[in-house]
Structure formats: structure tokens, C-alpha cells
């Protein structure tokens, strides 16, 4: 059972200007994230760029083609994906793919 999930959302206001076509989209973190050095929390919004090369250290969204399988991971030096915030690790079957690179993060005022 996954305690955290990512849900696609539409942004408005100034943030919406970054979502042109399919190049950038937004995901909101839902649920109780596991303790993490980056302090991910319920309601964090991630701007995700498609078509950007993922490099070691990048935070990425990986999936198996279905939105319900989206998860966050860090790209390691050997280009493997290390899960973060309580998301599952990618498995060999079905084959995971990087959906996009997280290029921004928004959180509510008062969140740590």
C-alpha cells in the first residue's frame, strides 16, 4: 500500500505560464511522505519538464505509463533511480520510464 501519490493538476495565475503544450505539467503530492532530507509534504506542487535529459542528482518522476504509477526518485551516479519520500522503487516489470525532470517545487506558506 502506497501512502503517497502524485496527482496531475492544472495551475492558474503566474505558474500557468510555464505549462505550455506538453512541455511542462504540474503534479501535487498527496498523502504522508516518509521523512526525507528535502522535507516533502502533502500539498507540495512539482513542475515537471518533459524532454529534459535527467542527470545524476536530478529529482525525476518515473512511471510505467499509467498516472497511478507515478513516483518520485533521484537519479544516482550510475543512472539508477533511488526512490524518495516513501515512493516505491522502480521494478523491472513493467518497465519504468522517466516521465520528466522536476524543475520547480511550490509549497504552501508555513510548510517546513
C-alpha atoms as a PDB file:
ATOM      1  CA  UNK A   1       0.000   0.000   0.000  1.00  0.00           C
ATOM      2  CA  UNK A   2       1.426   3.375  -1.040  1.00  0.00           C
ATOM      3  CA  UNK A   3       0.953   6.192   1.467  1.00  0.00           C
ATOM      4  CA  UNK A   4       1.896   8.874  -1.038  1.00  0.00           C
ATOM      5  CA  UNK A   5       0.824   9.570  -4.594  1.00  0.00           C
ATOM      6  CA  UNK A   6       1.175  12.196  -7.303  1.00  0.00           C
ATOM      7  CA  UNK A   7      -1.868  13.768  -8.922  1.00  0.00           C
ATOM      8  CA  UNK A   8      -1.800  15.868 -12.080  1.00  0.00           C
ATOM      9  CA  UNK A   9      -3.277  19.342 -11.589  1.00  0.00           C
ATOM     10  CA  UNK A  10      -3.863  22.451 -13.680  1.00  0.00           C
ATOM     11  CA  UNK A  11      -2.221  25.618 -12.412  1.00  0.00           C
ATOM     12  CA  UNK A  12      -3.556  29.122 -12.778  1.00  0.00           C
ATOM     13  CA  UNK A  13      -2.059  32.547 -12.221  1.00  0.00           C
ATOM     14  CA  UNK A  14       1.625  33.126 -12.884  1.00  0.00           C
ATOM     15  CA  UNK A  15       2.535  29.445 -12.538  1.00  0.00           C
ATOM     16  CA  UNK A  16       0.303  28.581 -15.513  1.00  0.00           C
ATOM     17  CA  UNK A  17       2.622  30.440 -17.887  1.00  0.00           C
ATOM     18  CA  UNK A  18       5.166  27.630 -17.528  1.00  0.00           C
ATOM     19  CA  UNK A  19       2.759  24.936 -18.745  1.00  0.00           C
ATOM     20  CA  UNK A  20       2.911  25.437 -22.485  1.00  0.00           C
ATOM     21  CA  UNK A  21       1.644  22.496 -24.502  1.00  0.00           C
ATOM     22  CA  UNK A  22       3.023  19.263 -23.109  1.00  0.00           C
ATOM     23  CA  UNK A  23       6.474  20.571 -22.246  1.00  0.00           C
ATOM     24  CA  UNK A  24       5.719  21.203 -18.565  1.00  0.00           C
ATOM     25  CA  UNK A  25       2.984  19.878 -16.311  1.00  0.00           C
ATOM     26  CA  UNK A  26       2.250  20.019 -12.586  1.00  0.00           C
ATOM     27  CA  UNK A  27       1.819  17.277 -10.003  1.00  0.00           C
ATOM     28  CA  UNK A  28       0.708  17.624  -6.397  1.00  0.00           C
ATOM     29  CA  UNK A  29       1.938  15.297  -3.667  1.00  0.00           C
ATOM     30  CA  UNK A  30      -0.912  13.639  -1.812  1.00  0.00           C
ATOM     31  CA  UNK A  31      -0.535  11.763   1.452  1.00  0.00           C
ATOM     32  CA  UNK A  32       2.013  11.447   4.214  1.00  0.00           C
ATOM     33  CA  UNK A  33       5.504  11.493   2.757  1.00  0.00           C
ATOM     34  CA  UNK A  34       8.170   9.471   4.551  1.00  0.00           C
ATOM     35  CA  UNK A  35      10.830  11.540   6.346  1.00  0.00           C
ATOM     36  CA  UNK A  36      13.219  12.878   3.743  1.00  0.00           C
ATOM     37  CA  UNK A  37      16.096  15.391   3.812  1.00  0.00           C
ATOM     38  CA  UNK A  38      14.051  17.617   1.477  1.00  0.00           C
ATOM     39  CA  UNK A  39      11.016  17.620   3.786  1.00  0.00           C
ATOM     40  CA  UNK A  40       8.435  16.686   1.167  1.00  0.00           C
ATOM     41  CA  UNK A  41       4.900  17.149   2.459  1.00  0.00           C
ATOM     42  CA  UNK A  42       1.277  16.763   1.462  1.00  0.00           C
ATOM     43  CA  UNK A  43       0.305  19.547  -0.940  1.00  0.00           C
ATOM     44  CA  UNK A  44       3.752  20.192  -2.420  1.00  0.00           C
ATOM     45  CA  UNK A  45       3.399  21.009  -6.119  1.00  0.00           C
ATOM     46  CA  UNK A  46       6.084  19.949  -8.596  1.00  0.00           C
ATOM     47  CA  UNK A  47       6.670  21.485 -12.024  1.00  0.00           C
ATOM     48  CA  UNK A  48       7.803  18.652 -14.284  1.00  0.00           C
ATOM     49  CA  UNK A  49       9.533  19.226 -17.633  1.00  0.00           C
ATOM     50  CA  UNK A  50       9.185  16.633 -20.370  1.00  0.00           C
ATOM     51  CA  UNK A  51      12.011  16.073 -22.841  1.00  0.00           C
ATOM     52  CA  UNK A  52      14.760  17.211 -20.464  1.00  0.00           C
ATOM     53  CA  UNK A  53      17.719  14.881 -20.023  1.00  0.00           C
ATOM     54  CA  UNK A  54      17.892  13.578 -16.466  1.00  0.00           C
ATOM     55  CA  UNK A  55      21.330  13.796 -14.878  1.00  0.00           C
ATOM     56  CA  UNK A  56      22.740  12.409 -11.631  1.00  0.00           C
ATOM     57  CA  UNK A  57      21.235  14.243  -8.683  1.00  0.00           C
ATOM     58  CA  UNK A  58      18.054  15.273 -10.507  1.00  0.00           C
ATOM     59  CA  UNK A  59      14.650  14.661  -8.973  1.00  0.00           C
ATOM     60  CA  UNK A  60      12.506  12.890 -11.553  1.00  0.00           C
ATOM     61  CA  UNK A  61       9.028  11.468 -11.973  1.00  0.00           C
ATOM     62  CA  UNK A  62       9.069   7.885 -13.189  1.00  0.00           C
ATOM     63  CA  UNK A  63       6.108   5.748 -14.189  1.00  0.00           C
ATOM     64  CA  UNK A  64       5.044   2.670 -16.128  1.00  0.00           C
ATOM     65  CA  UNK A  65       2.678   4.558 -18.427  1.00  0.00           C
ATOM     66  CA  UNK A  66      -0.288   4.901 -16.067  1.00  0.00           C
ATOM     67  CA  UNK A  67      -0.755   8.046 -13.981  1.00  0.00           C
ATOM     68  CA  UNK A  68      -1.433   5.991 -10.844  1.00  0.00           C
ATOM     69  CA  UNK A  69       2.131   4.590 -11.064  1.00  0.00           C
ATOM     70  CA  UNK A  70       3.895   7.978 -10.985  1.00  0.00           C
ATOM     71  CA  UNK A  71       6.590   8.214  -8.314  1.00  0.00           C
ATOM     72  CA  UNK A  72       9.475  10.475  -7.303  1.00  0.00           C
ATOM     73  CA  UNK A  73      13.094   9.340  -7.401  1.00  0.00           C
ATOM     74  CA  UNK A  74      16.616  10.768  -7.511  1.00  0.00           C
ATOM     75  CA  UNK A  75      18.920   9.852 -10.372  1.00  0.00           C
ATOM     76  CA  UNK A  76      22.073   8.218  -8.981  1.00  0.00           C
ATOM     77  CA  UNK A  77      25.606   8.438 -10.419  1.00  0.00           C
ATOM     78  CA  UNK A  78      25.100   5.086 -12.176  1.00  0.00           C
ATOM     79  CA  UNK A  79      21.768   6.437 -13.617  1.00  0.00           C
ATOM     80  CA  UNK A  80      19.625   4.148 -11.468  1.00  0.00           C
ATOM     81  CA  UNK A  81      16.623   5.650  -9.700  1.00  0.00           C
ATOM     82  CA  UNK A  82      16.546   5.882  -5.893  1.00  0.00           C
ATOM     83  CA  UNK A  83      13.012   6.357  -4.511  1.00  0.00           C
ATOM     84  CA  UNK A  84      12.299   9.311  -2.213  1.00  0.00           C
ATOM     85  CA  UNK A  85       9.532  10.371   0.190  1.00  0.00           C
ATOM     86  CA  UNK A  86       8.163   6.847   0.622  1.00  0.00           C
ATOM     87  CA  UNK A  87       7.540   6.159  -3.062  1.00  0.00           C
ATOM     88  CA  UNK A  88       8.313   2.643  -4.297  1.00  0.00           C
ATOM     89  CA  UNK A  89      11.467   1.735  -6.157  1.00  0.00           C
ATOM     90  CA  UNK A  90      11.141   1.080  -9.881  1.00  0.00           C
ATOM     91  CA  UNK A  91      10.809  -2.597 -10.795  1.00  0.00           C
ATOM     92  CA  UNK A  92      11.941  -4.368 -13.940  1.00  0.00           C
ATOM     93  CA  UNK A  93       8.407  -5.349 -14.953  1.00  0.00           C
ATOM     94  CA  UNK A  94       6.566  -3.395 -16.097  1.00  0.00           C
ATOM     95  CA  UNK A  95       9.452  -1.352 -17.413  1.00  0.00           C
ATOM     96  CA  UNK A  96       9.702   2.057 -15.727  1.00  0.00           C
ATOM     97  CA  UNK A  97      10.415   5.213 -17.704  1.00  0.00           C
ATOM     98  CA  UNK A  98      11.316   8.729 -16.666  1.00  0.00           C
ATOM     99  CA  UNK A  99       8.284  10.875 -17.399  1.00  0.00           C
ATOM    100  CA  UNK A 100      10.052  14.151 -16.662  1.00  0.00           C
ATOM    101  CA  UNK A 101      12.509  16.109 -14.550  1.00  0.00           C
ATOM    102  CA  UNK A 102      11.273  18.189 -11.621  1.00  0.00           C
ATOM    103  CA  UNK A 103      12.266  21.763 -12.436  1.00  0.00           C
ATOM    104  CA  UNK A 104      10.400  23.543  -9.653  1.00  0.00           C
ATOM    105  CA  UNK A 105       8.621  22.990  -6.372  1.00  0.00           C
ATOM    106  CA  UNK A 106       5.902  25.076  -4.759  1.00  0.00           C
ATOM    107  CA  UNK A 107       4.722  24.697  -1.203  1.00  0.00           C
ATOM    108  CA  UNK A 108       2.207  26.461   0.954  1.00  0.00           C
ATOM    109  CA  UNK A 109       3.336  29.231   3.266  1.00  0.00           C
ATOM    110  CA  UNK A 110       4.079  27.913   6.703  1.00  0.00           C
ATOM    111  CA  UNK A 111       5.186  24.485   5.453  1.00  0.00           C
ATOM    112  CA  UNK A 112       8.641  23.416   6.569  1.00  0.00           C
END
